[in-house]
PDB file of N, CA and C in Angstrom:
ATOM      1  N   GLY A   1       1.801  20.454  -9.968  1.00  0.00           N
ATOM      2  CA  GLY A   1       2.488  19.911  -8.828  1.00  0.00           C
ATOM      3  C   GLY A   1       1.680  20.112  -7.562  1.00  0.00           C
ATOM      4  N   MET A   2       2.415  20.333  -6.479  1.00  0.00           N
ATOM      5  CA  MET A   2       1.761  20.481  -5.184  1.00  0.00           C
ATOM      6  C   MET A   2       0.926  21.753  -5.126  1.00  0.00           C
ATOM      7  N   SER A   3       1.390  22.824  -5.772  1.00  0.00           N
ATOM      8  CA  SER A   3       0.602  24.062  -5.750  1.00  0.00           C
ATOM      9  C   SER A   3      -0.727  23.844  -6.471  1.00  0.00           C
ATOM     10  N   GLY A   4      -0.714  23.037  -7.526  1.00  0.00           N
ATOM     11  CA  GLY A   4      -1.946  22.701  -8.226  1.00  0.00           C
ATOM     12  C   GLY A   4      -2.890  21.914  -7.338  1.00  0.00           C
ATOM     13  N   ALA A   5      -2.322  21.010  -6.547  1.00  0.00           N
ATOM     14  CA  ALA A   5      -3.146  20.210  -5.633  1.00  0.00           C
ATOM     15  C   ALA A   5      -3.779  21.094  -4.575  1.00  0.00           C
ATOM     16  N   LEU A   6      -3.003  22.049  -4.064  1.00  0.00           N
ATOM     17  CA  LEU A   6      -3.550  22.961  -3.058  1.00  0.00           C
ATOM     18  C   LEU A   6      -4.618  23.856  -3.661  1.00  0.00           C
ATOM     19  N   ALA A   7      -4.335  24.367  -4.859  1.00  0.00           N
ATOM     20  CA  ALA A   7      -5.310  25.233  -5.532  1.00  0.00           C
ATOM     21  C   ALA A   7      -6.580  24.456  -5.845  1.00  0.00           C
ATOM     22  N   GLY A   8      -6.441  23.157  -6.083  1.00  0.00           N
ATOM     23  CA  GLY A   8      -7.588  22.312  -6.391  1.00  0.00           C
ATOM     24  C   GLY A   8      -8.363  21.904  -5.157  1.00  0.00           C
ATOM     25  N   GLY A   9      -7.965  22.408  -4.006  1.00  0.00           N
ATOM     26  CA  GLY A   9      -8.727  22.140  -2.790  1.00  0.00           C
ATOM     27  C   GLY A   9      -8.272  20.931  -1.996  1.00  0.00           C
ATOM     28  N   ALA A  10      -7.104  20.376  -2.325  1.00  0.00           N
ATOM     29  CA  ALA A  10      -6.614  19.238  -1.550  1.00  0.00           C
ATOM     30  C   ALA A  10      -6.227  19.716  -0.154  1.00  0.00           C
ATOM     31  N   ASP A  11      -6.556  18.913   0.836  1.00  0.00           N
ATOM     32  CA  ASP A  11      -6.205  19.313   2.197  1.00  0.00           C
ATOM     33  C   ASP A  11      -4.707  19.095   2.424  1.00  0.00           C
ATOM     34  N   PRO A  12      -4.101  19.863   3.353  1.00  0.00           N
ATOM     35  CA  PRO A  12      -2.656  19.770   3.581  1.00  0.00           C
ATOM     36  C   PRO A  12      -2.170  18.359   3.907  1.00  0.00           C
ATOM     37  N   ALA A  13      -2.968  17.588   4.636  1.00  0.00           N
ATOM     38  CA  ALA A  13      -2.558  16.215   4.972  1.00  0.00           C
ATOM     39  C   ALA A  13      -2.426  15.367   3.711  1.00  0.00           C
ATOM     40  N   SER A  14      -3.366  15.534   2.780  1.00  0.00           N
ATOM     41  CA  SER A  14      -3.303  14.782   1.518  1.00  0.00           C
ATOM     42  C   SER A  14      -2.090  15.207   0.702  1.00  0.00           C
ATOM     43  N   VAL A  15      -1.812  16.510   0.705  1.00  0.00           N
ATOM     44  CA  VAL A  15      -0.650  17.009  -0.033  1.00  0.00           C
ATOM     45  C   VAL A  15       0.625  16.395   0.555  1.00  0.00           C
ATOM     46  N   ARG A  16       0.716  16.318   1.880  1.00  0.00           N
ATOM     47  CA  ARG A  16       1.893  15.710   2.519  1.00  0.00           C
ATOM     48  C   ARG A  16       2.017  14.233   2.139  1.00  0.00           C
ATOM     49  N   CYS A  17       0.900  13.537   2.070  1.00  0.00           N
ATOM     50  CA  CYS A  17       0.923  12.124   1.668  1.00  0.00           C
ATOM     51  C   CYS A  17       1.483  11.973   0.258  1.00  0.00           C
ATOM     52  N   VAL A  18       0.998  12.803  -0.646  1.00  0.00           N
ATOM     53  CA  VAL A  18       1.452  12.724  -2.037  1.00  0.00           C
ATOM     54  C   VAL A  18       2.916  13.133  -2.137  1.00  0.00           C
ATOM     55  N   GLU A  19       3.323  14.136  -1.387  1.00  0.00           N
ATOM     56  CA  GLU A  19       4.730  14.546  -1.395  1.00  0.00           C
ATOM     57  C   GLU A  19       5.633  13.413  -0.906  1.00  0.00           C
ATOM     58  N   GLY A  20       5.216  12.749   0.173  1.00  0.00           N
ATOM     59  CA  GLY A  20       5.994  11.624   0.697  1.00  0.00           C
ATOM     60  C   GLY A  20       6.083  10.494  -0.310  1.00  0.00           C
ATOM     61  N   TYR A  21       4.953  10.214  -0.948  1.00  0.00           N
ATOM     62  CA  TYR A  21       4.905   9.186  -1.988  1.00  0.00           C
ATOM     63  C   TYR A  21       5.887   9.520  -3.109  1.00  0.00           C
ATOM     64  N   CYS A  22       5.816  10.759  -3.601  1.00  0.00           N
ATOM     65  CA  CYS A  22       6.669  11.176  -4.723  1.00  0.00           C
ATOM     66  C   CYS A  22       8.145  11.129  -4.348  1.00  0.00           C
ATOM     67  N   ARG A  23       8.471  11.584  -3.145  1.00  0.00           N
ATOM     68  CA  ARG A  23       9.869  11.598  -2.698  1.00  0.00           C
ATOM     69  C   ARG A  23      10.416  10.173  -2.609  1.00  0.00           C
ATOM     70  N   SER A  24       9.673   9.282  -1.954  1.00  0.00           N
ATOM     71  CA  SER A  24      10.128   7.898  -1.798  1.00  0.00           C
ATOM     72  C   SER A  24      10.222   7.182  -3.139  1.00  0.00           C
ATOM     73  N   LEU A  25       9.185   7.361  -3.957  1.00  0.00           N
ATOM     74  CA  LEU A  25       9.159   6.679  -5.246  1.00  0.00           C
ATOM     75  C   LEU A  25      10.267   7.187  -6.159  1.00  0.00           C
ATOM     76  N   GLY A  26      10.490   8.492  -6.152  1.00  0.00           N
ATOM     77  CA  GLY A  26      11.541   9.070  -6.999  1.00  0.00           C
ATOM     78  C   GLY A  26      12.917   8.545  -6.644  1.00  0.00           C
ATOM     79  N   LEU A  27      13.224   8.487  -5.352  1.00  0.00           N
ATOM     80  CA  LEU A  27      14.534   7.991  -4.929  1.00  0.00           C
ATOM     81  C   LEU A  27      14.661   6.496  -5.195  1.00  0.00           C
ATOM     82  N   ALA A  28      13.594   5.742  -4.934  1.00  0.00           N
ATOM     83  CA  ALA A  28      13.622   4.299  -5.210  1.00  0.00           C
ATOM     84  C   ALA A  28      13.873   4.047  -6.691  1.00  0.00           C
ATOM     85  N   PHE A  29      13.213   4.827  -7.545  1.00  0.00           N
ATOM     86  CA  PHE A  29      13.388   4.661  -8.987  1.00  0.00           C
ATOM     87  C   PHE A  29      14.828   4.979  -9.396  1.00  0.00           C
ATOM     88  N   GLN A  30      15.423   6.015  -8.810  1.00  0.00           N
ATOM     89  CA  GLN A  30      16.808   6.377  -9.124  1.00  0.00           C
ATOM     90  C   GLN A  30      17.776   5.270  -8.706  1.00  0.00           C
ATOM     91  N   ILE A  31      17.556   4.722  -7.512  1.00  0.00           N
ATOM     92  CA  ILE A  31      18.415   3.633  -7.044  1.00  0.00           C
ATOM     93  C   ILE A  31      18.258   2.425  -7.963  1.00  0.00           C
ATOM     94  N   GLN A  32      17.011   2.118  -8.308  1.00  0.00           N
ATOM     95  CA  GLN A  32      16.740   0.980  -9.197  1.00  0.00           C
ATOM     96  C   GLN A  32      17.431   1.181 -10.554  1.00  0.00           C
ATOM     97  N   ASP A  33      17.408   2.410 -11.050  1.00  0.00           N
ATOM     98  CA  ASP A  33      18.067   2.725 -12.318  1.00  0.00           C
ATOM     99  C   ASP A  33      19.576   2.519 -12.203  1.00  0.00           C
ATOM    100  N   ASP A  34      20.155   2.932 -11.075  1.00  0.00           N
ATOM    101  CA  ASP A  34      21.590   2.729 -10.844  1.00  0.00           C
ATOM    102  C   ASP A  34      21.928   1.242 -10.804  1.00  0.00           C
ATOM    103  N   ILE A  35      21.045   0.454 -10.174  1.00  0.00           N
ATOM    104  CA  ILE A  35      21.256  -0.996 -10.097  1.00  0.00           C
ATOM    105  C   ILE A  35      21.169  -1.613 -11.493  1.00  0.00           C
ATOM    106  N   LEU A  36      20.142  -1.232 -12.250  1.00  0.00           N
ATOM    107  CA  LEU A  36      19.987  -1.750 -13.616  1.00  0.00           C
ATOM    108  C   LEU A  36      21.175  -1.384 -14.479  1.00  0.00           C
ATOM    109  N   ASP A  37      21.713  -0.194 -14.249  1.00  0.00           N
ATOM    110  CA  ASP A  37      22.859   0.248 -15.035  1.00  0.00           C
ATOM    111  C   ASP A  37      24.059  -0.666 -14.791  1.00  0.00           C
ATOM    112  N   LEU A  38      24.185  -1.167 -13.585  1.00  0.00           N
ATOM    113  CA  LEU A  38      25.280  -2.089 -13.277  1.00  0.00           C
ATOM    114  C   LEU A  38      24.993  -3.498 -13.761  1.00  0.00           C
ATOM    115  N   GLU A  39      23.747  -3.941 -13.570  1.00  0.00           N
ATOM    116  CA  GLU A  39      23.402  -5.332 -13.850  1.00  0.00           C
ATOM    117  C   GLU A  39      22.882  -5.574 -15.260  1.00  0.00           C
ATOM    118  N   GLY A  40      22.299  -4.535 -15.843  1.00  0.00           N
ATOM    119  CA  GLY A  40      21.626  -4.709 -17.124  1.00  0.00           C
ATOM    120  C   GLY A  40      22.566  -4.927 -18.290  1.00  0.00           C
ATOM    121  N   THR A  41      21.981  -5.255 -19.398  1.00  0.00           N
ATOM    122  CA  THR A  41      22.748  -5.397 -20.635  1.00  0.00           C
ATOM    123  C   THR A  41      22.183  -4.437 -21.656  1.00  0.00           C
ATOM    124  N   VAL A  42      22.931  -4.189 -22.701  1.00  0.00           N
ATOM    125  CA  VAL A  42      22.478  -3.293 -23.758  1.00  0.00           C
ATOM    126  C   VAL A  42      21.169  -3.792 -24.365  1.00  0.00           C
ATOM    127  N   GLU A  43      21.046  -5.117 -24.528  1.00  0.00           N
ATOM    128  CA  GLU A  43      19.827  -5.687 -25.111  1.00  0.00           C
ATOM    129  C   GLU A  43      18.608  -5.448 -24.220  1.00  0.00           C
ATOM    130  N   GLU A  44      18.792  -5.601 -22.909  1.00  0.00           N
ATOM    131  CA  GLU A  44      17.668  -5.438 -21.989  1.00  0.00           C
ATOM    132  C   GLU A  44      17.186  -3.994 -21.925  1.00  0.00           C
ATOM    133  N   LEU A  45      18.117  -3.075 -21.911  1.00  0.00           N
ATOM    134  CA  LEU A  45      17.766  -1.680 -21.668  1.00  0.00           C
ATOM    135  C   LEU A  45      17.651  -0.842 -22.929  1.00  0.00           C
ATOM    136  N   GLY A  46      18.218  -1.335 -24.021  1.00  0.00           N
ATOM    137  CA  GLY A  46      18.181  -0.553 -25.253  1.00  0.00           C
ATOM    138  C   GLY A  46      19.104   0.648 -25.189  1.00  0.00           C
ATOM    139  N   LYS A  47      20.063   0.613 -24.284  1.00  0.00           N
ATOM    140  CA  LYS A  47      21.042   1.695 -24.192  1.00  0.00           C
ATOM    141  C   LYS A  47      22.338   1.113 -23.661  1.00  0.00           C
ATOM    142  N   ASN A  48      23.397   1.852 -23.824  1.00  0.00           N
ATOM    143  CA  ASN A  48      24.665   1.396 -23.278  1.00  0.00           C
ATOM    144  C   ASN A  48      24.616   1.468 -21.760  1.00  0.00           C
ATOM    145  N   THR A  49      25.095   0.410 -21.126  1.00  0.00           N
ATOM    146  CA  THR A  49      25.134   0.422 -19.669  1.00  0.00           C
ATOM    147  C   THR A  49      26.489   0.944 -19.218  1.00  0.00           C
ATOM    148  N   GLY A  50      26.583   1.191 -17.942  1.00  0.00           N
ATOM    149  CA  GLY A  50      27.842   1.678 -17.411  1.00  0.00           C
ATOM    150  C   GLY A  50      28.089   3.144 -17.696  1.00  0.00           C
ATOM    151  N   HIS A  51      27.042   3.880 -18.099  1.00  0.00           N
ATOM    152  CA  HIS A  51      27.235   5.290 -18.440  1.00  0.00           C
ATOM    153  C   HIS A  51      27.398   6.158 -17.203  1.00  0.00           C
ATOM    154  N   ASP A  52      27.169   5.585 -16.032  1.00  0.00           N
ATOM    155  CA  ASP A  52      27.287   6.356 -14.790  1.00  0.00           C
ATOM    156  C   ASP A  52      28.653   6.153 -14.127  1.00  0.00           C
ATOM    157  N   GLN A  53      29.655   5.824 -14.917  1.00  0.00           N
ATOM    158  CA  GLN A  53      30.959   5.476 -14.360  1.00  0.00           C
ATOM    159  C   GLN A  53      31.522   6.549 -13.425  1.00  0.00           C
ATOM    160  N   LYS A  54      31.358   7.823 -13.786  1.00  0.00           N
ATOM    161  CA  LYS A  54      31.954   8.891 -12.993  1.00  0.00           C
ATOM    162  C   LYS A  54      31.006   9.429 -11.924  1.00  0.00           C
ATOM    163  N   LYS A  55      29.744   9.062 -12.011  1.00  0.00           N
ATOM    164  CA  LYS A  55      28.733   9.578 -11.091  1.00  0.00           C
ATOM    165  C   LYS A  55      28.694   8.742  -9.810  1.00  0.00           C
ATOM    166  N   GLN A  56      28.522   9.405  -8.680  1.00  0.00           N
ATOM    167  CA  GLN A  56      28.356   8.663  -7.425  1.00  0.00           C
ATOM    168  C   GLN A  56      26.947   8.083  -7.405  1.00  0.00           C
ATOM    169  N   THR A  57      26.866   6.783  -7.272  1.00  0.00           N
ATOM    170  CA  THR A  57      25.568   6.111  -7.266  1.00  0.00           C
ATOM    171  C   THR A  57      25.406   5.355  -5.953  1.00  0.00           C
ATOM    172  N   TYR A  58      24.179   4.981  -5.649  1.00  0.00           N
ATOM    173  CA  TYR A  58      23.935   4.189  -4.444  1.00  0.00           C
ATOM    174  C   TYR A  58      24.726   2.886  -4.448  1.00  0.00           C
ATOM    175  N   PRO A  59      24.680   2.097  -5.540  1.00  0.00           N
ATOM    176  CA  PRO A  59      25.440   0.842  -5.528  1.00  0.00           C
ATOM    177  C   PRO A  59      26.935   1.072  -5.285  1.00  0.00           C
ATOM    178  N   ARG A  60      27.477   2.137  -5.848  1.00  0.00           N
ATOM    179  CA  ARG A  60      28.897   2.419  -5.664  1.00  0.00           C
ATOM    180  C   ARG A  60      29.167   2.843  -4.210  1.00  0.00           C
ATOM    181  N   ALA A  61      28.226   3.560  -3.612  1.00  0.00           N
ATOM    182  CA  ALA A  61      28.428   4.084  -2.263  1.00  0.00           C
ATOM    183  C   ALA A  61      28.185   3.031  -1.177  1.00  0.00           C
ATOM    184  N   ILE A  62      27.101   2.242  -1.317  1.00  0.00           N
ATOM    185  CA  ILE A  62      26.740   1.324  -0.221  1.00  0.00           C
ATOM    186  C   ILE A  62      26.694  -0.144  -0.646  1.00  0.00           C
ATOM    187  N   GLY A  63      26.967  -0.420  -1.917  1.00  0.00           N
ATOM    188  CA  GLY A  63      26.965  -1.808  -2.380  1.00  0.00           C
ATOM    189  C   GLY A  63      25.629  -2.200  -2.997  1.00  0.00           C
ATOM    190  N   LEU A  64      25.670  -3.245  -3.790  1.00  0.00           N
ATOM    191  CA  LEU A  64      24.508  -3.667  -4.568  1.00  0.00           C
ATOM    192  C   LEU A  64      23.375  -4.202  -3.700  1.00  0.00           C
ATOM    193  N   SER A  65      23.682  -5.115  -2.780  1.00  0.00           N
ATOM    194  CA  SER A  65      22.599  -5.717  -1.990  1.00  0.00           C
ATOM    195  C   SER A  65      21.965  -4.685  -1.060  1.00  0.00           C
ATOM    196  N   ALA A  66      22.768  -3.792  -0.489  1.00  0.00           N
ATOM    197  CA  ALA A  66      22.217  -2.741   0.367  1.00  0.00           C
ATOM    198  C   ALA A  66      21.356  -1.785  -0.451  1.00  0.00           C
ATOM    199  N   SER A  67      21.757  -1.539  -1.686  1.00  0.00           N
ATOM    200  CA  SER A  67      20.978  -0.661  -2.569  1.00  0.00           C
ATOM    201  C   SER A  67      19.629  -1.280  -2.904  1.00  0.00           C
ATOM    202  N   LYS A  68      19.631  -2.584  -3.173  1.00  0.00           N
ATOM    203  CA  LYS A  68      18.374  -3.283  -3.468  1.00  0.00           C
ATOM    204  C   LYS A  68      17.437  -3.224  -2.272  1.00  0.00           C
ATOM    205  N   ALA A  69      17.993  -3.424  -1.071  1.00  0.00           N
ATOM    206  CA  ALA A  69      17.184  -3.374   0.145  1.00  0.00           C
ATOM    207  C   ALA A  69      16.647  -1.958   0.367  1.00  0.00           C
ATOM    208  N   ARG A  70      17.468  -0.946   0.105  1.00  0.00           N
ATOM    209  CA  ARG A  70      17.050   0.454   0.282  1.00  0.00           C
ATOM    210  C   ARG A  70      15.924   0.790  -0.701  1.00  0.00           C
ATOM    211  N   ALA A  71      16.047   0.375  -1.953  1.00  0.00           N
ATOM    212  CA  ALA A  71      15.010   0.640  -2.948  1.00  0.00           C
ATOM    213  C   ALA A  71      13.708  -0.042  -2.546  1.00  0.00           C
ATOM    214  N   GLU A  72      13.797  -1.270  -2.082  1.00  0.00           N
ATOM    215  CA  GLU A  72      12.602  -2.015  -1.658  1.00  0.00           C
ATOM    216  C   GLU A  72      11.913  -1.292  -0.508  1.00  0.00           C
ATOM    217  N   ARG A  73      12.703  -0.807   0.452  1.00  0.00           N
ATOM    218  CA  ARG A  73      12.126  -0.089   1.596  1.00  0.00           C
ATOM    219  C   ARG A  73      11.456   1.203   1.134  1.00  0.00           C
ATOM    220  N   LEU A  74      12.079   1.896   0.184  1.00  0.00           N
ATOM    221  CA  LEU A  74      11.500   3.144  -0.322  1.00  0.00           C
ATOM    222  C   LEU A  74      10.193   2.885  -1.067  1.00  0.00           C
ATOM    223  N   PHE A  75      10.122   1.787  -1.817  1.00  0.00           N
ATOM    224  CA  PHE A  75       8.858   1.432  -2.476  1.00  0.00           C
ATOM    225  C   PHE A  75       7.778   1.166  -1.425  1.00  0.00           C
ATOM    226  N   GLU A  76       8.161   0.505  -0.328  1.00  0.00           N
ATOM    227  CA  GLU A  76       7.210   0.254   0.763  1.00  0.00           C
ATOM    228  C   GLU A  76       6.764   1.573   1.403  1.00  0.00           C
ATOM    229  N   GLU A  77       7.731   2.489   1.605  1.00  0.00           N
ATOM    230  CA  GLU A  77       7.393   3.787   2.194  1.00  0.00           C
ATOM    231  C   GLU A  77       6.442   4.567   1.284  1.00  0.00           C
ATOM    232  N   ALA A  78       6.658   4.460  -0.030  1.00  0.00           N
ATOM    233  CA  ALA A  78       5.766   5.137  -0.973  1.00  0.00           C
ATOM    234  C   ALA A  78       4.350   4.592  -0.831  1.00  0.00           C
ATOM    235  N   ALA A  79       4.225   3.266  -0.740  1.00  0.00           N
ATOM    236  CA  ALA A  79       2.909   2.641  -0.574  1.00  0.00           C
ATOM    237  C   ALA A  79       2.276   3.063   0.751  1.00  0.00           C
ATOM    238  N   GLU A  80       3.089   3.141   1.809  1.00  0.00           N
ATOM    239  CA  GLU A  80       2.575   3.548   3.112  1.00  0.00           C
ATOM    240  C   GLU A  80       2.060   4.989   3.080  1.00  0.00           C
ATOM    241  N   SER A  81       2.730   5.843   2.314  1.00  0.00           N
ATOM    242  CA  SER A  81       2.300   7.242   2.211  1.00  0.00           C
ATOM    243  C   SER A  81       0.870   7.347   1.690  1.00  0.00           C
ATOM    244  N   LEU A  82       0.494   6.422   0.820  1.00  0.00           N
ATOM    245  CA  LEU A  82      -0.837   6.467   0.212  1.00  0.00           C
ATOM    246  C   LEU A  82      -1.939   6.123   1.203  1.00  0.00           C
ATOM    247  N   ARG A  83      -1.589   5.430   2.280  1.00  0.00           N
ATOM    248  CA  ARG A  83      -2.618   5.022   3.236  1.00  0.00           C
ATOM    249  C   ARG A  83      -3.266   6.213   3.917  1.00  0.00           C
ATOM    250  N   GLY A  84      -2.574   7.361   3.921  1.00  0.00           N
ATOM    251  CA  GLY A  84      -3.138   8.556   4.529  1.00  0.00           C
ATOM    252  C   GLY A  84      -4.097   9.306   3.635  1.00  0.00           C
ATOM    253  N   LEU A  85      -4.200   8.882   2.387  1.00  0.00           N
ATOM    254  CA  LEU A  85      -5.108   9.552   1.448  1.00  0.00           C
ATOM    255  C   LEU A  85      -6.510   8.993   1.583  1.00  0.00           C
ATOM    256  N   ASN A  86      -7.477   9.881   1.537  1.00  0.00           N
ATOM    257  CA  ASN A  86      -8.877   9.441   1.603  1.00  0.00           C
ATOM    258  C   ASN A  86      -9.486   9.314   0.212  1.00  0.00           C
ATOM    259  N   LYS A  87      -8.663   9.519  -0.783  1.00  0.00           N
ATOM    260  CA  LYS A  87      -9.160   9.479  -2.160  1.00  0.00           C
ATOM    261  C   LYS A  87      -8.715   8.184  -2.828  1.00  0.00           C
ATOM    262  N   LYS A  88      -9.208   7.957  -4.028  1.00  0.00           N
ATOM    263  CA  LYS A  88      -8.805   6.770  -4.774  1.00  0.00           C
ATOM    264  C   LYS A  88      -7.307   6.835  -5.066  1.00  0.00           C
ATOM    265  N   THR A  89      -6.627   5.738  -4.822  1.00  0.00           N
ATOM    266  CA  THR A  89      -5.176   5.718  -5.011  1.00  0.00           C
ATOM    267  C   THR A  89      -4.766   4.732  -6.108  1.00  0.00           C
ATOM    268  N   ASP A  90      -5.716   4.290  -6.917  1.00  0.00           N
ATOM    269  CA  ASP A  90      -5.421   3.286  -7.948  1.00  0.00           C
ATOM    270  C   ASP A  90      -4.285   3.723  -8.863  1.00  0.00           C
ATOM    271  N   PHE A  91      -4.330   4.987  -9.317  1.00  0.00           N
ATOM    272  CA  PHE A  91      -3.292   5.485 -10.225  1.00  0.00           C
ATOM    273  C   PHE A  91      -1.919   5.399  -9.563  1.00  0.00           C
ATOM    274  N   PHE A  92      -1.827   5.864  -8.301  1.00  0.00           N
ATOM    275  CA  PHE A  92      -0.550   5.866  -7.591  1.00  0.00           C
ATOM    276  C   PHE A  92      -0.041   4.450  -7.353  1.00  0.00           C
ATOM    277  N   LEU A  93      -0.959   3.544  -6.996  1.00  0.00           N
ATOM    278  CA  LEU A  93      -0.558   2.157  -6.756  1.00  0.00           C
ATOM    279  C   LEU A  93      -0.103   1.488  -8.053  1.00  0.00           C
ATOM    280  N   GLU A  94      -0.780   1.787  -9.148  1.00  0.00           N
ATOM    281  CA  GLU A  94      -0.391   1.209 -10.434  1.00  0.00           C
ATOM    282  C   GLU A  94       0.990   1.707 -10.855  1.00  0.00           C
ATOM    283  N   LEU A  95       1.239   2.998 -10.651  1.00  0.00           N
ATOM    284  CA  LEU A  95       2.553   3.563 -10.963  1.00  0.00           C
ATOM    285  C   LEU A  95       3.626   2.890 -10.114  1.00  0.00           C
ATOM    286  N   LEU A  96       3.339   2.719  -8.836  1.00  0.00           N
ATOM    287  CA  LEU A  96       4.270   2.057  -7.922  1.00  0.00           C
ATOM    288  C   LEU A  96       4.571   0.633  -8.394  1.00  0.00           C
ATOM    289  N   GLU A  97       3.539  -0.105  -8.772  1.00  0.00           N
ATOM    290  CA  GLU A  97       3.732  -1.474  -9.260  1.00  0.00           C
ATOM    291  C   GLU A  97       4.586  -1.501 -10.515  1.00  0.00           C
ATOM    292  N   ASN A  98       4.302  -0.582 -11.432  1.00  0.00           N
ATOM    293  CA  ASN A  98       5.051  -0.545 -12.687  1.00  0.00           C
ATOM    294  C   ASN A  98       6.524  -0.224 -12.461  1.00  0.00           C
ATOM    295  N   LEU A  99       6.813   0.745 -11.606  1.00  0.00           N
ATOM    296  CA  LEU A  99       8.190   1.154 -11.383  1.00  0.00           C
ATOM    297  C   LEU A  99       8.970   0.150 -10.544  1.00  0.00           C
ATOM    298  N   SER A 100       8.287  -0.512  -9.615  1.00  0.00           N
ATOM    299  CA  SER A 100       8.993  -1.455  -8.743  1.00  0.00           C
ATOM    300  C   SER A 100       9.063  -2.860  -9.334  1.00  0.00           C
ATOM    301  N   GLY A 101       8.251  -3.102 -10.370  1.00  0.00           N
ATOM    302  CA  GLY A 101       8.214  -4.434 -10.962  1.00  0.00           C
ATOM    303  C   GLY A 101       7.356  -5.399 -10.170  1.00  0.00           C
ATOM    304  N   ARG A 102       6.599  -4.863  -9.200  1.00  0.00           N
ATOM    305  CA  ARG A 102       5.745  -5.701  -8.357  1.00  0.00           C
ATOM    306  C   ARG A 102       4.385  -5.904  -8.986  1.00  0.00           C
ATOM    307  N   ARG A 103       3.750  -6.966  -8.593  1.00  0.00           N
ATOM    308  CA  ARG A 103       2.362  -7.184  -8.961  1.00  0.00           C
ATOM    309  C   ARG A 103       1.590  -7.489  -7.690  1.00  0.00           C
ATOM    310  N   LYS A 104       0.304  -7.152  -7.682  1.00  0.00           N
ATOM    311  CA  LYS A 104      -0.530  -7.400  -6.492  1.00  0.00           C
ATOM    312  C   LYS A 104      -0.617  -8.892  -6.207  1.00  0.00           C
TER     313      LYS A 104
END
């Protein structure tokens, strides 16, 4: 994790960039999962949907369209976090594309 990055000689600014990326991407992925759980089908996901019935989710709290907009903004924030890195970010960008469903 972050302690490994620090031990590996990463500068604090780079660690903050990666932390911001991870935080934004993690929350965006959770919101996206909540949305898929509402919209998806058993065939698409390979699991029963609606399993979050008792759990408070973003779509339940703020609505579906607001949740989609929030997830999109978080994916953008994750990408913005990478701009502060002076190292190759291909892996992080590829992960972001895969999780958000975006392509370059």
